[in-house]
Amino acid sequence: MSAFPLGFYQIDNLVQGHIPFALFTLEFPFEKIFKGEELKHLQRQVILISNIDQNEILSVIEQRGFKKDHPIVVLDEDGKKAAIVAEALEDMGYINASFVLDGFQSF
Protein backbone atom coordinates (compact mmCIF):
# COMPACT_ATOMS: atom_id res chain seq x y z
CA MET A 1 0.00 0.00 0.00
CA SER A 2 1.02 3.56 -0.44
CA ALA A 3 -0.44 6.50 1.49
CA PHE A 4 -1.98 9.14 -0.71
CA PRO A 5 -0.17 12.50 -0.88
CA LEU A 6 -2.30 15.64 -0.68
CA GLY A 7 -1.31 19.06 -1.94
CA PHE A 8 -2.42 22.42 -0.61
CA TYR A 9 -5.44 22.50 -2.92
CA GLN A 10 -6.77 19.18 -1.63
CA ILE A 11 -6.42 20.45 1.94
CA ASP A 12 -8.10 23.69 0.92
CA ASN A 13 -10.98 21.69 -0.62
CA LEU A 14 -11.44 19.77 2.65
CA VAL A 15 -11.50 23.05 4.57
CA GLN A 16 -13.71 24.98 2.14
CA GLY A 17 -16.12 22.04 1.95
CA HIS A 18 -16.22 21.71 5.75
CA ILE A 19 -15.40 18.02 5.38
CA PRO A 20 -14.48 16.23 8.63
CA PHE A 21 -10.96 14.84 8.83
CA ALA A 22 -8.24 14.53 11.47
CA LEU A 23 -5.16 16.67 10.82
CA PHE A 24 -2.19 15.59 12.91
CA THR A 25 0.38 18.35 12.91
CA LEU A 26 2.86 20.43 14.81
CA GLU A 27 2.14 24.06 15.70
CA PHE A 28 1.51 26.06 12.52
CA PRO A 29 -0.02 29.55 11.97
CA PHE A 30 -3.05 28.47 9.91
CA GLU A 31 -4.66 31.85 10.57
CA LYS A 32 -2.25 33.38 8.05
CA ILE A 33 -3.89 31.29 5.31
CA PHE A 34 -7.46 30.63 6.38
CA LYS A 35 -10.01 33.08 7.77
CA GLY A 36 -13.52 33.05 9.23
CA GLU A 37 -15.57 29.85 9.11
CA GLU A 38 -12.88 28.00 7.17
CA LEU A 39 -10.32 28.68 9.91
CA LYS A 40 -12.80 27.57 12.59
CA HIS A 41 -13.50 24.36 10.67
CA LEU A 42 -9.78 23.66 10.23
CA GLN A 43 -9.08 24.33 13.90
CA ARG A 44 -11.72 21.73 14.84
CA GLN A 45 -9.86 19.17 12.68
CA VAL A 46 -6.35 19.89 14.00
CA ILE A 47 -4.83 17.57 16.57
CA LEU A 48 -1.60 19.12 17.79
CA ILE A 49 1.14 16.66 18.55
CA SER A 50 4.60 17.18 19.96
CA ASN A 51 6.35 15.08 17.34
CA ILE A 52 5.46 13.46 14.04
CA ASP A 53 5.60 10.02 15.59
CA GLN A 54 3.62 6.95 14.61
CA ASN A 55 3.13 5.79 18.20
CA GLU A 56 1.91 9.19 19.42
CA ILE A 57 -0.53 9.51 16.53
CA LEU A 58 -1.77 5.93 16.90
CA SER A 59 -2.33 6.51 20.62
CA VAL A 60 -4.52 9.55 19.91
CA ILE A 61 -6.40 7.67 17.17
CA GLU A 62 -7.15 4.84 19.58
CA GLN A 63 -8.09 7.19 22.45
CA ARG A 64 -10.56 9.05 20.25
CA GLY A 65 -11.97 5.86 18.78
CA PHE A 66 -11.43 6.72 15.12
CA LYS A 67 -12.71 4.06 12.79
CA LYS A 68 -10.38 2.55 10.20
CA ASP A 69 -12.04 4.59 7.42
CA HIS A 70 -11.83 8.02 9.14
CA PRO A 71 -9.84 10.47 6.99
CA ILE A 72 -6.47 11.10 8.63
CA VAL A 73 -3.96 13.64 7.33
CA VAL A 74 -0.41 14.02 8.67
CA LEU A 75 1.40 17.33 8.18
CA ASP A 76 5.03 18.08 9.04
CA GLU A 77 7.75 20.49 7.92
CA ASP A 78 8.65 18.88 4.60
CA GLY A 79 6.32 15.90 4.14
CA LYS A 80 9.00 13.25 4.56
CA LYS A 81 8.27 11.99 8.07
CA ALA A 82 4.53 12.51 7.53
CA ALA A 83 4.67 10.21 4.49
CA ILE A 84 6.31 7.45 6.53
CA VAL A 85 3.75 7.79 9.34
CA ALA A 86 0.78 7.88 6.93
CA GLU A 87 2.11 4.80 5.18
CA ALA A 88 2.47 2.99 8.52
CA LEU A 89 -1.09 3.94 9.47
CA GLU A 90 -2.34 2.62 6.15
CA ASP A 91 -0.42 -0.61 6.71
CA MET A 92 -2.30 -0.91 10.03
CA GLY A 93 -5.60 -0.72 8.19
CA TYR A 94 -6.42 3.01 8.29
CA ILE A 95 -7.58 3.18 4.69
CA ASN A 96 -7.87 6.98 4.45
CA ALA A 97 -4.45 7.94 5.80
CA SER A 98 -2.62 10.59 3.79
CA PHE A 99 0.08 13.20 4.16
CA VAL A 100 0.66 16.71 2.87
CA LEU A 101 3.18 16.64 0.04
CA ASP A 102 6.08 19.02 0.84
CA GLY A 103 4.61 19.66 4.31
CA PHE A 104 4.36 23.22 5.60
CA GLN A 105 6.34 24.34 2.57
CA SER A 106 3.28 23.71 0.39
CA PHE A 107 1.33 26.36 2.29
C-alpha atoms as a PDB file:
ATOM      1  CA  MET A   1       0.000   0.000   0.000  1.00  0.00           C
ATOM      2  CA  SER A   2       1.016   3.562  -0.437  1.00  0.00           C
ATOM      3  CA  ALA A   3      -0.436   6.498   1.493  1.00  0.00           C
ATOM      4  CA  PHE A   4      -1.983   9.137  -0.705  1.00  0.00           C
ATOM      5  CA  PRO A   5      -0.174  12.503  -0.877  1.00  0.00           C
ATOM      6  CA  LEU A   6      -2.298  15.638  -0.675  1.00  0.00           C
ATOM      7  CA  GLY A   7      -1.313  19.060  -1.936  1.00  0.00           C
ATOM      8  CA  PHE A   8      -2.418  22.416  -0.607  1.00  0.00           C
ATOM      9  CA  TYR A   9      -5.443  22.501  -2.921  1.00  0.00           C
ATOM     10  CA  GLN A  10      -6.774  19.184  -1.634  1.00  0.00           C
ATOM     11  CA  ILE A  11      -6.423  20.447   1.939  1.00  0.00           C
ATOM     12  CA  ASP A  12      -8.103  23.688   0.918  1.00  0.00           C
ATOM     13  CA  ASN A  13     -10.981  21.692  -0.619  1.00  0.00           C
ATOM     14  CA  LEU A  14     -11.443  19.768   2.647  1.00  0.00           C
ATOM     15  CA  VAL A  15     -11.495  23.048   4.568  1.00  0.00           C
ATOM     16  CA  GLN A  16     -13.714  24.982   2.140  1.00  0.00           C
ATOM     17  CA  GLY A  17     -16.115  22.038   1.950  1.00  0.00           C
ATOM     18  CA  HIS A  18     -16.219  21.708   5.752  1.00  0.00           C
ATOM     19  CA  ILE A  19     -15.401  18.021   5.380  1.00  0.00           C
ATOM     20  CA  PRO A  20     -14.485  16.226   8.628  1.00  0.00           C
ATOM     21  CA  PHE A  21     -10.957  14.838   8.831  1.00  0.00           C
ATOM     22  CA  ALA A  22      -8.236  14.531  11.468  1.00  0.00           C
ATOM     23  CA  LEU A  23      -5.156  16.667  10.816  1.00  0.00           C
ATOM     24  CA  PHE A  24      -2.188  15.588  12.913  1.00  0.00           C
ATOM     25  CA  THR A  25       0.376  18.354  12.910  1.00  0.00           C
ATOM     26  CA  LEU A  26       2.865  20.433  14.808  1.00  0.00           C
ATOM     27  CA  GLU A  27       2.140  24.057  15.705  1.00  0.00           C
ATOM     28  CA  PHE A  28       1.509  26.065  12.524  1.00  0.00           C
ATOM     29  CA  PRO A  29      -0.016  29.549  11.969  1.00  0.00           C
ATOM     30  CA  PHE A  30      -3.052  28.466   9.912  1.00  0.00           C
ATOM     31  CA  GLU A  31      -4.663  31.854  10.572  1.00  0.00           C
ATOM     32  CA  LYS A  32      -2.254  33.378   8.048  1.00  0.00           C
ATOM     33  CA  ILE A  33      -3.892  31.292   5.307  1.00  0.00           C
ATOM     34  CA  PHE A  34      -7.464  30.632   6.384  1.00  0.00           C
ATOM     35  CA  LYS A  35     -10.014  33.079   7.769  1.00  0.00           C
ATOM     36  CA  GLY A  36     -13.521  33.046   9.227  1.00  0.00           C
ATOM     37  CA  GLU A  37     -15.566  29.855   9.115  1.00  0.00           C
ATOM     38  CA  GLU A  38     -12.876  27.998   7.173  1.00  0.00           C
ATOM     39  CA  LEU A  39     -10.321  28.679   9.913  1.00  0.00           C
ATOM     40  CA  LYS A  40     -12.803  27.569  12.587  1.00  0.00           C
ATOM     41  CA  HIS A  41     -13.495  24.362  10.667  1.00  0.00           C
ATOM     42  CA  LEU A  42      -9.784  23.655  10.234  1.00  0.00           C
ATOM     43  CA  GLN A  43      -9.076  24.327  13.902  1.00  0.00           C
ATOM     44  CA  ARG A  44     -11.715  21.728  14.842  1.00  0.00           C
ATOM     45  CA  GLN A  45      -9.862  19.166  12.685  1.00  0.00           C
ATOM     46  CA  VAL A  46      -6.349  19.893  13.998  1.00  0.00           C
ATOM     47  CA  ILE A  47      -4.825  17.571  16.569  1.00  0.00           C
ATOM     48  CA  LEU A  48      -1.595  19.124  17.791  1.00  0.00           C
ATOM     49  CA  ILE A  49       1.144  16.663  18.551  1.00  0.00           C
ATOM     50  CA  SER A  50       4.603  17.176  19.965  1.00  0.00           C
ATOM     51  CA  ASN A  51       6.351  15.076  17.344  1.00  0.00           C
ATOM     52  CA  ILE A  52       5.456  13.456  14.037  1.00  0.00           C
ATOM     53  CA  ASP A  53       5.597  10.020  15.587  1.00  0.00           C
ATOM     54  CA  GLN A  54       3.620   6.946  14.607  1.00  0.00           C
ATOM     55  CA  ASN A  55       3.134   5.794  18.204  1.00  0.00           C
ATOM     56  CA  GLU A  56       1.913   9.189  19.419  1.00  0.00           C
ATOM     57  CA  ILE A  57      -0.532   9.508  16.532  1.00  0.00           C
ATOM     58  CA  LEU A  58      -1.769   5.932  16.903  1.00  0.00           C
ATOM     59  CA  SER A  59      -2.326   6.514  20.621  1.00  0.00           C
ATOM     60  CA  VAL A  60      -4.518   9.549  19.906  1.00  0.00           C
ATOM     61  CA  ILE A  61      -6.403   7.674  17.175  1.00  0.00           C
ATOM     62  CA  GLU A  62      -7.153   4.836  19.580  1.00  0.00           C
ATOM     63  CA  GLN A  63      -8.093   7.194  22.451  1.00  0.00           C
ATOM     64  CA  ARG A  64     -10.564   9.048  20.247  1.00  0.00           C
ATOM     65  CA  GLY A  65     -11.969   5.858  18.780  1.00  0.00           C
ATOM     66  CA  PHE A  66     -11.425   6.716  15.122  1.00  0.00           C
ATOM     67  CA  LYS A  67     -12.711   4.064  12.787  1.00  0.00           C
ATOM     68  CA  LYS A  68     -10.384   2.552  10.198  1.00  0.00           C
ATOM     69  CA  ASP A  69     -12.043   4.594   7.420  1.00  0.00           C
ATOM     70  CA  HIS A  70     -11.826   8.018   9.144  1.00  0.00           C
ATOM     71  CA  PRO A  71      -9.845  10.474   6.988  1.00  0.00           C
ATOM     72  CA  ILE A  72      -6.473  11.101   8.632  1.00  0.00           C
ATOM     73  CA  VAL A  73      -3.956  13.636   7.331  1.00  0.00           C
ATOM     74  CA  VAL A  74      -0.408  14.022   8.671  1.00  0.00           C
ATOM     75  CA  LEU A  75       1.405  17.332   8.181  1.00  0.00           C
ATOM     76  CA  ASP A  76       5.032  18.083   9.036  1.00  0.00           C
ATOM     77  CA  GLU A  77       7.749  20.487   7.924  1.00  0.00           C
ATOM     78  CA  ASP A  78       8.647  18.884   4.595  1.00  0.00           C
ATOM     79  CA  GLY A  79       6.320  15.902   4.136  1.00  0.00           C
ATOM     80  CA  LYS A  80       9.002  13.249   4.563  1.00  0.00           C
ATOM     81  CA  LYS A  81       8.272  11.988   8.065  1.00  0.00           C
ATOM     82  CA  ALA A  82       4.534  12.515   7.534  1.00  0.00           C
ATOM     83  CA  ALA A  83       4.666  10.209   4.486  1.00  0.00           C
ATOM     84  CA  ILE A  84       6.306   7.449   6.528  1.00  0.00           C
ATOM     85  CA  VAL A  85       3.750   7.786   9.342  1.00  0.00           C
ATOM     86  CA  ALA A  86       0.779   7.882   6.930  1.00  0.00           C
ATOM     87  CA  GLU A  87       2.106   4.795   5.175  1.00  0.00           C
ATOM     88  CA  ALA A  88       2.471   2.986   8.520  1.00  0.00           C
ATOM     89  CA  LEU A  89      -1.095   3.937   9.474  1.00  0.00           C
ATOM     90  CA  GLU A  90      -2.344   2.623   6.153  1.00  0.00           C
ATOM     91  CA  ASP A  91      -0.417  -0.615   6.705  1.00  0.00           C
ATOM     92  CA  MET A  92      -2.299  -0.912  10.031  1.00  0.00           C
ATOM     93  CA  GLY A  93      -5.603  -0.720   8.188  1.00  0.00           C
ATOM     94  CA  TYR A  94      -6.415   3.009   8.289  1.00  0.00           C
ATOM     95  CA  ILE A  95      -7.575   3.182   4.691  1.00  0.00           C
ATOM     96  CA  ASN A  96      -7.866   6.983   4.450  1.00  0.00           C
ATOM     97  CA  ALA A  97      -4.450   7.943   5.804  1.00  0.00           C
ATOM     98  CA  SER A  98      -2.618  10.588   3.793  1.00  0.00           C
ATOM     99  CA  PHE A  99       0.081  13.200   4.160  1.00  0.00           C
ATOM    100  CA  VAL A 100       0.658  16.709   2.868  1.00  0.00           C
ATOM    101  CA  LEU A 101       3.179  16.641   0.041  1.00  0.00           C
ATOM    102  CA  ASP A 102       6.082  19.016   0.842  1.00  0.00           C
ATOM    103  CA  GLY A 103       4.607  19.658   4.314  1.00  0.00           C
ATOM    104  CA  PHE A 104       4.365  23.215   5.605  1.00  0.00           C
ATOM    105  CA  GLN A 105       6.340  24.341   2.573  1.00  0.00           C
ATOM    106  CA  SER A 106       3.280  23.706   0.386  1.00  0.00           C
ATOM    107  CA  PHE A 107       1.328  26.357   2.289  1.00  0.00           C
END
